[in-house]
Amino acid sequence: MDRNMLMQKLMELDFLAVDLGLFLNTHPDSSEAIAAYNEVIEAADKVRLQYEENFGPLCSFRSYAADPEHWLWERNPWPWQKDANTTMGGKECR
């Protein structure tokens, strides 16, 4: 997957994790929702790791430093730069 595809997949999984977390706030005994939440977290961690291995860290405070000789955070586009934001392929809110 390319950078935008990985970012889109990660955003989808993170959104699903938030949504399931909200559901679990009102349904704390739902073993089905807990299992789904754990699956989504695991899938998001895999995608996040894949992204970071290929394109650098996503967070300056929770990502592993892949290069012990150089801090890679400044090589990525910053969150407010256009390159840091993936497009939704015409599905953006208007």
N, C-alpha and C. Protein backbone atom coordinates (compact mmCIF):
# COMPACT_ATOMS: atom_id res chain seq x y z
N MET A 1 0.84 -1.19 0.00
CA MET A 1 0.00 0.00 0.00
C MET A 1 0.88 1.24 0.00
N ASP A 2 0.40 2.28 -0.63
CA ASP A 2 1.15 3.53 -0.63
C ASP A 2 0.81 4.34 0.63
N ARG A 3 1.47 5.46 0.78
CA ARG A 3 1.33 6.30 1.97
C ARG A 3 -0.14 6.68 2.24
N ASN A 4 -0.83 7.17 1.22
CA ASN A 4 -2.21 7.61 1.42
C ASN A 4 -3.14 6.46 1.76
N MET A 5 -2.92 5.30 1.14
CA MET A 5 -3.77 4.15 1.43
C MET A 5 -3.58 3.68 2.87
N LEU A 6 -2.33 3.65 3.32
CA LEU A 6 -2.07 3.27 4.71
C LEU A 6 -2.67 4.27 5.68
N MET A 7 -2.54 5.56 5.38
CA MET A 7 -3.09 6.59 6.26
C MET A 7 -4.61 6.49 6.30
N GLN A 8 -5.23 6.28 5.15
CA GLN A 8 -6.69 6.15 5.10
C GLN A 8 -7.14 4.94 5.93
N LYS A 9 -6.46 3.80 5.78
CA LYS A 9 -6.82 2.60 6.53
C LYS A 9 -6.65 2.84 8.03
N LEU A 10 -5.58 3.50 8.41
CA LEU A 10 -5.35 3.79 9.82
C LEU A 10 -6.41 4.72 10.38
N MET A 11 -6.80 5.74 9.62
CA MET A 11 -7.86 6.65 10.08
C MET A 11 -9.18 5.90 10.25
N GLU A 12 -9.47 4.99 9.33
CA GLU A 12 -10.70 4.20 9.43
C GLU A 12 -10.69 3.33 10.69
N LEU A 13 -9.56 2.66 10.92
CA LEU A 13 -9.46 1.79 12.10
C LEU A 13 -9.50 2.60 13.39
N ASP A 14 -8.83 3.73 13.42
CA ASP A 14 -8.85 4.57 14.63
C ASP A 14 -10.25 5.12 14.89
N PHE A 15 -10.97 5.50 13.83
CA PHE A 15 -12.34 5.95 13.99
C PHE A 15 -13.21 4.83 14.55
N LEU A 16 -13.04 3.63 14.02
CA LEU A 16 -13.80 2.48 14.50
C LEU A 16 -13.48 2.19 15.96
N ALA A 17 -12.21 2.33 16.34
CA ALA A 17 -11.83 2.11 17.74
C ALA A 17 -12.51 3.12 18.66
N VAL A 18 -12.56 4.39 18.25
CA VAL A 18 -13.24 5.41 19.05
C VAL A 18 -14.73 5.09 19.15
N ASP A 19 -15.33 4.73 18.02
CA ASP A 19 -16.75 4.41 17.99
C ASP A 19 -17.07 3.21 18.90
N LEU A 20 -16.26 2.16 18.80
CA LEU A 20 -16.48 1.00 19.66
C LEU A 20 -16.25 1.35 21.13
N GLY A 21 -15.27 2.21 21.39
CA GLY A 21 -15.04 2.66 22.76
C GLY A 21 -16.23 3.40 23.34
N LEU A 22 -16.84 4.24 22.53
CA LEU A 22 -18.05 4.95 22.97
C LEU A 22 -19.19 3.97 23.23
N PHE A 23 -19.33 2.98 22.35
CA PHE A 23 -20.36 1.97 22.55
C PHE A 23 -20.11 1.21 23.86
N LEU A 24 -18.85 0.89 24.11
CA LEU A 24 -18.52 0.15 25.33
C LEU A 24 -18.75 0.98 26.60
N ASN A 25 -18.73 2.30 26.47
CA ASN A 25 -19.03 3.14 27.63
C ASN A 25 -20.46 2.91 28.12
N THR A 26 -21.35 2.58 27.21
CA THR A 26 -22.75 2.36 27.58
C THR A 26 -23.14 0.88 27.59
N HIS A 27 -22.26 0.03 27.10
CA HIS A 27 -22.50 -1.42 27.07
C HIS A 27 -21.24 -2.15 27.55
N PRO A 28 -20.81 -1.91 28.77
CA PRO A 28 -19.52 -2.42 29.24
C PRO A 28 -19.43 -3.94 29.35
N ASP A 29 -20.55 -4.63 29.31
CA ASP A 29 -20.53 -6.08 29.45
C ASP A 29 -20.71 -6.80 28.11
N SER A 30 -20.61 -6.09 27.01
CA SER A 30 -20.77 -6.70 25.70
C SER A 30 -19.46 -7.38 25.27
N SER A 31 -19.40 -8.67 25.46
CA SER A 31 -18.18 -9.40 25.10
C SER A 31 -17.92 -9.34 23.60
N GLU A 32 -18.98 -9.26 22.81
CA GLU A 32 -18.83 -9.15 21.36
C GLU A 32 -18.17 -7.82 20.99
N ALA A 33 -18.59 -6.74 21.63
CA ALA A 33 -18.00 -5.42 21.35
C ALA A 33 -16.57 -5.35 21.87
N ILE A 34 -16.30 -5.97 23.00
CA ILE A 34 -14.93 -5.99 23.54
C ILE A 34 -14.01 -6.73 22.59
N ALA A 35 -14.46 -7.87 22.07
CA ALA A 35 -13.66 -8.64 21.12
C ALA A 35 -13.42 -7.83 19.84
N ALA A 36 -14.46 -7.16 19.35
CA ALA A 36 -14.32 -6.34 18.15
C ALA A 36 -13.35 -5.19 18.39
N TYR A 37 -13.45 -4.55 19.56
CA TYR A 37 -12.55 -3.45 19.92
C TYR A 37 -11.09 -3.93 19.90
N ASN A 38 -10.86 -5.08 20.54
CA ASN A 38 -9.49 -5.61 20.60
C ASN A 38 -8.96 -5.96 19.22
N GLU A 39 -9.80 -6.48 18.34
CA GLU A 39 -9.39 -6.79 16.97
C GLU A 39 -9.03 -5.52 16.21
N VAL A 40 -9.83 -4.48 16.39
CA VAL A 40 -9.57 -3.21 15.70
C VAL A 40 -8.27 -2.59 16.20
N ILE A 41 -8.04 -2.62 17.50
CA ILE A 41 -6.80 -2.07 18.06
C ILE A 41 -5.58 -2.81 17.52
N GLU A 42 -5.68 -4.13 17.46
CA GLU A 42 -4.57 -4.93 16.93
C GLU A 42 -4.33 -4.62 15.46
N ALA A 43 -5.41 -4.53 14.68
CA ALA A 43 -5.28 -4.21 13.25
C ALA A 43 -4.68 -2.81 13.06
N ALA A 44 -5.12 -1.84 13.85
CA ALA A 44 -4.59 -0.47 13.76
C ALA A 44 -3.12 -0.43 14.12
N ASP A 45 -2.72 -1.19 15.13
CA ASP A 45 -1.30 -1.23 15.51
C ASP A 45 -0.45 -1.78 14.37
N LYS A 46 -0.95 -2.80 13.67
CA LYS A 46 -0.21 -3.37 12.54
C LYS A 46 -0.07 -2.37 11.41
N VAL A 47 -1.16 -1.68 11.09
CA VAL A 47 -1.12 -0.68 10.02
C VAL A 47 -0.21 0.48 10.43
N ARG A 48 -0.31 0.92 11.68
CA ARG A 48 0.53 2.01 12.18
C ARG A 48 2.01 1.64 12.07
N LEU A 49 2.35 0.42 12.47
CA LEU A 49 3.73 -0.05 12.39
C LEU A 49 4.19 -0.12 10.94
N GLN A 50 3.34 -0.62 10.05
CA GLN A 50 3.68 -0.69 8.64
C GLN A 50 3.93 0.71 8.08
N TYR A 51 3.06 1.66 8.44
CA TYR A 51 3.23 3.03 7.98
C TYR A 51 4.56 3.59 8.47
N GLU A 52 4.82 3.43 9.75
CA GLU A 52 6.03 4.03 10.33
C GLU A 52 7.30 3.38 9.79
N GLU A 53 7.26 2.10 9.49
CA GLU A 53 8.44 1.44 8.93
C GLU A 53 8.76 1.97 7.53
N ASN A 54 7.72 2.35 6.80
CA ASN A 54 7.90 2.81 5.43
C ASN A 54 8.01 4.32 5.27
N PHE A 55 7.34 5.08 6.14
CA PHE A 55 7.24 6.52 5.91
C PHE A 55 7.65 7.37 7.10
N GLY A 56 8.03 6.76 8.21
CA GLY A 56 8.48 7.52 9.36
C GLY A 56 7.41 7.63 10.43
N PRO A 57 7.76 8.21 11.57
CA PRO A 57 6.86 8.27 12.72
C PRO A 57 5.62 9.12 12.48
N LEU A 58 4.52 8.69 13.09
CA LEU A 58 3.27 9.43 13.01
C LEU A 58 3.12 10.40 14.18
N CYS A 59 3.71 10.07 15.30
CA CYS A 59 3.61 10.90 16.50
C CYS A 59 5.00 11.19 17.03
N SER A 60 5.19 12.36 17.55
CA SER A 60 6.49 12.69 18.12
C SER A 60 6.64 12.15 19.54
N PHE A 61 5.57 11.63 20.12
CA PHE A 61 5.61 11.25 21.53
C PHE A 61 5.25 9.80 21.80
N ARG A 62 4.84 9.01 20.81
CA ARG A 62 4.52 7.62 21.11
C ARG A 62 5.04 6.65 20.08
N SER A 63 5.70 7.12 19.06
CA SER A 63 6.25 6.25 18.04
C SER A 63 7.67 5.85 18.40
N TYR A 64 8.06 4.66 17.99
CA TYR A 64 9.43 4.21 18.21
C TYR A 64 10.38 5.02 17.34
N ALA A 65 11.56 5.26 17.85
CA ALA A 65 12.59 5.93 17.07
C ALA A 65 13.29 4.85 16.24
N ALA A 66 12.94 4.76 14.96
CA ALA A 66 13.45 3.70 14.09
C ALA A 66 14.94 3.84 13.81
N ASP A 67 15.43 5.05 13.82
CA ASP A 67 16.84 5.31 13.53
C ASP A 67 17.52 5.80 14.80
N PRO A 68 18.42 5.02 15.38
CA PRO A 68 19.06 5.44 16.63
C PRO A 68 20.06 6.58 16.47
N GLU A 69 20.37 6.92 15.22
CA GLU A 69 21.35 7.97 14.95
C GLU A 69 20.73 9.32 14.59
N HIS A 70 19.45 9.30 14.20
CA HIS A 70 18.83 10.55 13.72
C HIS A 70 17.36 10.57 14.07
N TRP A 71 16.89 11.68 14.57
CA TRP A 71 15.48 11.87 14.91
C TRP A 71 14.72 12.14 13.63
N LEU A 72 13.81 11.22 13.23
CA LEU A 72 13.16 11.30 11.93
C LEU A 72 11.89 12.12 11.89
N TRP A 73 11.42 12.56 13.03
CA TRP A 73 10.12 13.25 13.09
C TRP A 73 10.06 14.45 12.16
N GLU A 74 11.14 15.21 12.07
CA GLU A 74 11.08 16.44 11.28
C GLU A 74 11.09 16.17 9.78
N ARG A 75 11.32 14.94 9.34
CA ARG A 75 11.33 14.63 7.90
C ARG A 75 9.93 14.47 7.32
N ASN A 76 8.95 14.22 8.15
CA ASN A 76 7.58 14.03 7.68
C ASN A 76 6.88 15.36 7.51
N PRO A 77 5.83 15.38 6.70
CA PRO A 77 5.03 16.60 6.64
C PRO A 77 4.37 16.85 8.00
N TRP A 78 4.26 18.10 8.38
CA TRP A 78 3.63 18.45 9.64
C TRP A 78 2.12 18.38 9.48
N PRO A 79 1.38 18.17 10.54
CA PRO A 79 -0.07 17.97 10.44
C PRO A 79 -0.82 19.06 9.68
N TRP A 80 -0.35 20.28 9.70
CA TRP A 80 -1.05 21.37 9.03
C TRP A 80 -0.64 21.51 7.56
N GLN A 81 0.31 20.72 7.11
CA GLN A 81 0.72 20.76 5.71
C GLN A 81 -0.17 19.84 4.87
N LYS A 82 -0.41 20.24 3.64
CA LYS A 82 -1.31 19.49 2.76
C LYS A 82 -0.85 18.04 2.59
N ASP A 83 0.43 17.79 2.47
CA ASP A 83 0.95 16.44 2.26
C ASP A 83 0.66 15.50 3.43
N ALA A 84 0.37 16.04 4.59
CA ALA A 84 0.10 15.21 5.76
C ALA A 84 -1.33 14.71 5.79
N ASN A 85 -2.17 15.26 4.95
CA ASN A 85 -3.60 14.93 4.99
C ASN A 85 -4.01 14.20 3.73
N THR A 86 -4.57 13.03 3.92
CA THR A 86 -5.03 12.25 2.78
C THR A 86 -6.38 12.78 2.31
N THR A 87 -6.67 12.58 1.06
CA THR A 87 -7.97 13.00 0.54
C THR A 87 -8.95 11.84 0.68
N MET A 88 -10.21 12.15 0.65
CA MET A 88 -11.25 11.14 0.79
C MET A 88 -11.84 10.78 -0.58
N GLY A 89 -11.17 11.12 -1.63
CA GLY A 89 -11.61 10.76 -2.98
C GLY A 89 -12.98 11.30 -3.34
N GLY A 90 -13.25 12.55 -2.99
CA GLY A 90 -14.53 13.16 -3.31
C GLY A 90 -15.60 12.93 -2.25
N LYS A 91 -15.25 12.27 -1.15
CA LYS A 91 -16.21 11.99 -0.09
C LYS A 91 -16.11 13.00 1.06
N GLU A 92 -15.35 14.08 0.85
CA GLU A 92 -15.17 15.07 1.88
C GLU A 92 -16.49 15.76 2.23
N CYS A 93 -16.60 16.20 3.47
CA CYS A 93 -17.78 16.97 3.89
C CYS A 93 -17.73 18.33 3.20
N ARG A 94 -18.88 18.83 2.86
CA ARG A 94 -18.94 20.14 2.21
C ARG A 94 -19.78 21.07 3.00
